[in-house]
Amino acid sequence: MKYFVIGDEDTILGFGMVGVKGRQVSNESEADAAFKEALSDRENGIIIITERIADMIRPLVEHYIFTIGFPLIVEIPDRLGKMQGKPGIRELVNNAIGIKLQ
């Protein structure tokens, strides 16, 4: 199973340093193409996408998050930080396991 990351230059560089391949995108059409590229490789088990990029192609991302079980789609903050109204990783974990972590 492989990872694939879609995001800004800093995100791609950071993940690339640990061997994760991905695509740098800056607009909706590039985001759409990168997401479809990631989905086309059946070895990609986890697609990591920054929140701001995911918002550019929100209907497509939500289709795969809510209707397709594989690959796993994970949204992360980019270099500018967490977006307003998005739950943090701690809140997501608390909701997923039903236990409040401190």
N, C-alpha and C. Protein backbone atom coordinates (compact mmCIF):
# COMPACT_ATOMS: atom_id res chain seq x y z
N MET A 1 0.85 -1.18 0.00
CA MET A 1 0.00 0.00 0.00
C MET A 1 0.89 1.23 0.00
N LYS A 2 0.52 2.20 -0.82
CA LYS A 2 1.28 3.44 -0.93
C LYS A 2 0.44 4.62 -0.46
N TYR A 3 1.14 5.71 -0.18
CA TYR A 3 0.54 7.00 0.13
C TYR A 3 0.71 7.90 -1.08
N PHE A 4 -0.18 8.88 -1.22
CA PHE A 4 -0.07 9.89 -2.26
C PHE A 4 -0.54 11.20 -1.64
N VAL A 5 0.22 12.28 -1.82
CA VAL A 5 -0.14 13.55 -1.21
C VAL A 5 -0.42 14.59 -2.30
N ILE A 6 -1.43 15.42 -2.03
CA ILE A 6 -1.82 16.51 -2.94
C ILE A 6 -1.85 17.78 -2.11
N GLY A 7 -1.08 18.78 -2.53
CA GLY A 7 -1.06 20.01 -1.74
C GLY A 7 -0.17 21.07 -2.33
N ASP A 8 0.19 22.02 -1.46
CA ASP A 8 1.05 23.12 -1.86
C ASP A 8 2.51 22.65 -1.89
N GLU A 9 3.40 23.53 -2.33
CA GLU A 9 4.81 23.19 -2.49
C GLU A 9 5.44 22.68 -1.19
N ASP A 10 5.18 23.35 -0.08
CA ASP A 10 5.78 22.94 1.20
C ASP A 10 5.30 21.57 1.64
N THR A 11 4.03 21.28 1.46
CA THR A 11 3.48 19.98 1.84
C THR A 11 4.11 18.88 1.00
N ILE A 12 4.20 19.09 -0.30
CA ILE A 12 4.78 18.08 -1.19
C ILE A 12 6.25 17.87 -0.85
N LEU A 13 6.97 18.94 -0.60
CA LEU A 13 8.39 18.84 -0.24
C LEU A 13 8.56 18.07 1.06
N GLY A 14 7.77 18.40 2.07
CA GLY A 14 7.87 17.73 3.36
C GLY A 14 7.59 16.24 3.28
N PHE A 15 6.51 15.87 2.63
CA PHE A 15 6.18 14.45 2.48
C PHE A 15 7.18 13.75 1.57
N GLY A 16 7.67 14.47 0.56
CA GLY A 16 8.65 13.88 -0.35
C GLY A 16 9.94 13.51 0.36
N MET A 17 10.28 14.25 1.40
CA MET A 17 11.50 13.96 2.16
C MET A 17 11.44 12.62 2.88
N VAL A 18 10.25 12.11 3.10
CA VAL A 18 10.10 10.79 3.74
C VAL A 18 9.61 9.74 2.73
N GLY A 19 9.70 10.06 1.45
CA GLY A 19 9.43 9.09 0.41
C GLY A 19 8.01 9.00 -0.10
N VAL A 20 7.16 9.96 0.29
CA VAL A 20 5.77 9.94 -0.18
C VAL A 20 5.69 10.75 -1.47
N LYS A 21 5.18 10.12 -2.52
CA LYS A 21 5.02 10.81 -3.80
C LYS A 21 3.74 11.61 -3.80
N GLY A 22 3.69 12.63 -4.65
CA GLY A 22 2.50 13.45 -4.72
C GLY A 22 2.58 14.48 -5.82
N ARG A 23 1.60 15.37 -5.82
CA ARG A 23 1.51 16.43 -6.82
C ARG A 23 1.24 17.76 -6.15
N GLN A 24 2.01 18.75 -6.58
CA GLN A 24 1.78 20.12 -6.15
C GLN A 24 0.72 20.72 -7.05
N VAL A 25 -0.28 21.35 -6.45
CA VAL A 25 -1.35 21.98 -7.23
C VAL A 25 -1.60 23.39 -6.72
N SER A 26 -2.15 24.22 -7.61
CA SER A 26 -2.43 25.60 -7.21
C SER A 26 -3.80 26.10 -7.68
N ASN A 27 -4.53 25.25 -8.41
CA ASN A 27 -5.86 25.67 -8.86
C ASN A 27 -6.77 24.45 -8.96
N GLU A 28 -8.03 24.71 -9.24
CA GLU A 28 -9.04 23.66 -9.25
C GLU A 28 -8.78 22.59 -10.31
N SER A 29 -8.38 22.98 -11.50
CA SER A 29 -8.17 21.98 -12.55
C SER A 29 -6.97 21.09 -12.22
N GLU A 30 -5.91 21.66 -11.66
CA GLU A 30 -4.77 20.86 -11.24
C GLU A 30 -5.14 19.93 -10.10
N ALA A 31 -5.96 20.42 -9.17
CA ALA A 31 -6.40 19.60 -8.04
C ALA A 31 -7.24 18.43 -8.54
N ASP A 32 -8.14 18.69 -9.46
CA ASP A 32 -8.98 17.64 -10.03
C ASP A 32 -8.13 16.57 -10.71
N ALA A 33 -7.17 17.00 -11.51
CA ALA A 33 -6.31 16.05 -12.23
C ALA A 33 -5.45 15.23 -11.26
N ALA A 34 -4.91 15.89 -10.24
CA ALA A 34 -4.07 15.18 -9.27
C ALA A 34 -4.87 14.17 -8.47
N PHE A 35 -6.09 14.54 -8.08
CA PHE A 35 -6.95 13.63 -7.32
C PHE A 35 -7.30 12.40 -8.17
N LYS A 36 -7.65 12.63 -9.42
CA LYS A 36 -7.98 11.52 -10.31
C LYS A 36 -6.76 10.64 -10.58
N GLU A 37 -5.59 11.26 -10.67
CA GLU A 37 -4.35 10.48 -10.83
C GLU A 37 -4.12 9.58 -9.62
N ALA A 38 -4.31 10.14 -8.44
CA ALA A 38 -4.12 9.36 -7.21
C ALA A 38 -5.11 8.20 -7.15
N LEU A 39 -6.34 8.43 -7.54
CA LEU A 39 -7.36 7.38 -7.52
C LEU A 39 -7.09 6.30 -8.56
N SER A 40 -6.46 6.65 -9.66
CA SER A 40 -6.23 5.69 -10.74
C SER A 40 -5.18 4.64 -10.39
N ASP A 41 -4.30 4.94 -9.46
CA ASP A 41 -3.28 3.98 -9.03
C ASP A 41 -3.85 3.14 -7.89
N ARG A 42 -4.19 1.91 -8.16
CA ARG A 42 -4.85 1.04 -7.18
C ARG A 42 -3.94 0.70 -6.00
N GLU A 43 -2.66 1.00 -6.10
CA GLU A 43 -1.75 0.75 -4.98
C GLU A 43 -1.82 1.85 -3.93
N ASN A 44 -2.40 3.00 -4.27
CA ASN A 44 -2.55 4.09 -3.31
C ASN A 44 -3.64 3.73 -2.32
N GLY A 45 -3.25 3.49 -1.08
CA GLY A 45 -4.21 3.14 -0.05
C GLY A 45 -4.67 4.34 0.76
N ILE A 46 -3.82 5.38 0.79
CA ILE A 46 -4.15 6.59 1.54
C ILE A 46 -3.79 7.80 0.69
N ILE A 47 -4.77 8.66 0.48
CA ILE A 47 -4.54 9.92 -0.24
C ILE A 47 -4.62 11.03 0.80
N ILE A 48 -3.52 11.75 0.92
CA ILE A 48 -3.44 12.88 1.84
C ILE A 48 -3.60 14.15 1.02
N ILE A 49 -4.53 15.00 1.42
CA ILE A 49 -4.81 16.22 0.67
C ILE A 49 -4.97 17.37 1.65
N THR A 50 -4.40 18.52 1.32
CA THR A 50 -4.56 19.65 2.23
C THR A 50 -5.99 20.17 2.19
N GLU A 51 -6.43 20.75 3.28
CA GLU A 51 -7.81 21.23 3.41
C GLU A 51 -8.17 22.23 2.32
N ARG A 52 -7.27 23.16 2.05
CA ARG A 52 -7.57 24.20 1.05
C ARG A 52 -7.69 23.61 -0.36
N ILE A 53 -6.86 22.64 -0.67
CA ILE A 53 -6.95 21.98 -1.98
C ILE A 53 -8.23 21.15 -2.05
N ALA A 54 -8.55 20.44 -0.97
CA ALA A 54 -9.77 19.64 -0.94
C ALA A 54 -11.00 20.52 -1.15
N ASP A 55 -10.98 21.73 -0.60
CA ASP A 55 -12.12 22.64 -0.78
C ASP A 55 -12.30 23.06 -2.23
N MET A 56 -11.22 23.06 -3.00
CA MET A 56 -11.33 23.40 -4.43
C MET A 56 -12.15 22.37 -5.19
N ILE A 57 -12.09 21.12 -4.73
CA ILE A 57 -12.78 20.02 -5.42
C ILE A 57 -13.68 19.27 -4.43
N ARG A 58 -14.32 20.02 -3.54
CA ARG A 58 -15.10 19.45 -2.45
C ARG A 58 -16.12 18.37 -2.88
N PRO A 59 -16.93 18.58 -3.93
CA PRO A 59 -17.90 17.53 -4.30
C PRO A 59 -17.22 16.20 -4.65
N LEU A 60 -16.11 16.27 -5.35
CA LEU A 60 -15.39 15.05 -5.73
C LEU A 60 -14.81 14.36 -4.50
N VAL A 61 -14.19 15.14 -3.62
CA VAL A 61 -13.60 14.57 -2.40
C VAL A 61 -14.68 13.93 -1.55
N GLU A 62 -15.79 14.62 -1.35
CA GLU A 62 -16.85 14.06 -0.51
C GLU A 62 -17.47 12.81 -1.11
N HIS A 63 -17.53 12.74 -2.42
CA HIS A 63 -18.04 11.52 -3.06
C HIS A 63 -17.20 10.32 -2.62
N TYR A 64 -15.90 10.47 -2.62
CA TYR A 64 -15.02 9.36 -2.25
C TYR A 64 -14.95 9.15 -0.75
N ILE A 65 -15.07 10.21 0.03
CA ILE A 65 -15.06 10.05 1.49
C ILE A 65 -16.32 9.33 1.95
N PHE A 66 -17.48 9.68 1.39
CA PHE A 66 -18.74 9.17 1.90
C PHE A 66 -19.32 7.96 1.17
N THR A 67 -18.79 7.62 -0.01
CA THR A 67 -19.39 6.50 -0.73
C THR A 67 -18.42 5.39 -1.09
N ILE A 68 -17.17 5.67 -1.10
CA ILE A 68 -16.17 4.67 -1.47
C ILE A 68 -15.29 4.40 -0.26
N GLY A 69 -15.09 3.14 0.08
CA GLY A 69 -14.32 2.80 1.27
C GLY A 69 -12.81 2.81 1.08
N PHE A 70 -12.36 2.75 -0.17
CA PHE A 70 -10.92 2.65 -0.41
C PHE A 70 -10.59 3.46 -1.64
N PRO A 71 -9.60 4.25 -1.68
CA PRO A 71 -8.62 4.50 -0.63
C PRO A 71 -9.14 5.44 0.46
N LEU A 72 -8.42 5.49 1.55
CA LEU A 72 -8.73 6.40 2.64
C LEU A 72 -8.30 7.80 2.22
N ILE A 73 -9.18 8.79 2.39
CA ILE A 73 -8.87 10.18 2.08
C ILE A 73 -8.67 10.91 3.40
N VAL A 74 -7.51 11.54 3.57
CA VAL A 74 -7.19 12.25 4.81
C VAL A 74 -6.90 13.70 4.47
N GLU A 75 -7.64 14.61 5.10
CA GLU A 75 -7.39 16.05 4.91
C GLU A 75 -6.52 16.55 6.05
N ILE A 76 -5.52 17.34 5.68
CA ILE A 76 -4.60 17.90 6.67
C ILE A 76 -4.48 19.40 6.47
N PRO A 77 -4.10 20.14 7.50
CA PRO A 77 -3.84 21.58 7.32
C PRO A 77 -2.61 21.77 6.43
N ASP A 78 -2.52 22.91 5.78
CA ASP A 78 -1.33 23.22 5.00
C ASP A 78 -0.43 24.14 5.83
N ARG A 79 0.54 24.75 5.20
CA ARG A 79 1.50 25.60 5.92
C ARG A 79 0.86 26.82 6.58
N LEU A 80 -0.35 27.18 6.15
CA LEU A 80 -1.04 28.32 6.74
C LEU A 80 -1.83 27.94 7.98
N GLY A 81 -1.89 26.65 8.28
CA GLY A 81 -2.59 26.18 9.48
C GLY A 81 -3.99 25.69 9.20
N LYS A 82 -4.64 25.28 10.27
CA LYS A 82 -5.99 24.71 10.20
C LYS A 82 -6.98 25.77 9.73
N MET A 83 -7.90 25.37 8.87
CA MET A 83 -8.93 26.29 8.38
C MET A 83 -10.02 26.45 9.43
N GLN A 84 -10.63 27.62 9.45
CA GLN A 84 -11.75 27.89 10.36
C GLN A 84 -12.86 26.87 10.14
N GLY A 85 -13.40 26.36 11.23
CA GLY A 85 -14.54 25.46 11.15
C GLY A 85 -14.18 24.00 10.89
N LYS A 86 -12.91 23.71 10.66
CA LYS A 86 -12.48 22.33 10.45
C LYS A 86 -12.06 21.74 11.79
N PRO A 87 -12.49 20.51 12.08
CA PRO A 87 -12.08 19.90 13.35
C PRO A 87 -10.60 19.56 13.34
N GLY A 88 -9.97 19.66 14.49
CA GLY A 88 -8.57 19.29 14.63
C GLY A 88 -8.42 17.78 14.72
N ILE A 89 -7.19 17.31 14.64
CA ILE A 89 -6.95 15.87 14.68
C ILE A 89 -7.42 15.25 16.00
N ARG A 90 -7.24 15.96 17.11
CA ARG A 90 -7.69 15.44 18.40
C ARG A 90 -9.21 15.24 18.41
N GLU A 91 -9.94 16.21 17.89
CA GLU A 91 -11.40 16.10 17.85
C GLU A 91 -11.84 14.96 16.94
N LEU A 92 -11.17 14.79 15.80
CA LEU A 92 -11.50 13.69 14.90
C LEU A 92 -11.27 12.34 15.57
N VAL A 93 -10.16 12.19 16.27
CA VAL A 93 -9.86 10.94 16.97
C VAL A 93 -10.87 10.70 18.07
N ASN A 94 -11.18 11.73 18.86
CA ASN A 94 -12.17 11.59 19.93
C ASN A 94 -13.51 11.12 19.38
N ASN A 95 -13.94 11.70 18.28
CA ASN A 95 -15.22 11.29 17.68
C ASN A 95 -15.15 9.88 17.11
N ALA A 96 -14.02 9.51 16.55
CA ALA A 96 -13.88 8.20 15.92
C ALA A 96 -13.90 7.06 16.95
N ILE A 97 -13.22 7.29 18.08
CA ILE A 97 -13.13 6.20 19.07
C ILE A 97 -14.11 6.33 20.21
N GLY A 98 -14.75 7.49 20.32
CA GLY A 98 -15.74 7.67 21.36
C GLY A 98 -15.18 7.91 22.75
N ILE A 99 -13.89 8.21 22.82
CA ILE A 99 -13.24 8.48 24.09
C ILE A 99 -12.56 9.83 23.98
N LYS A 100 -12.70 10.64 25.01
CA LYS A 100 -12.07 11.96 24.97
C LYS A 100 -10.62 11.85 25.39
N LEU A 101 -9.72 12.19 24.45
CA LEU A 101 -8.29 12.21 24.73
C LEU A 101 -7.91 13.61 25.17
N GLN A 102 -7.03 13.71 26.09
CA GLN A 102 -6.56 15.02 26.57
C GLN A 102 -5.35 15.48 25.83
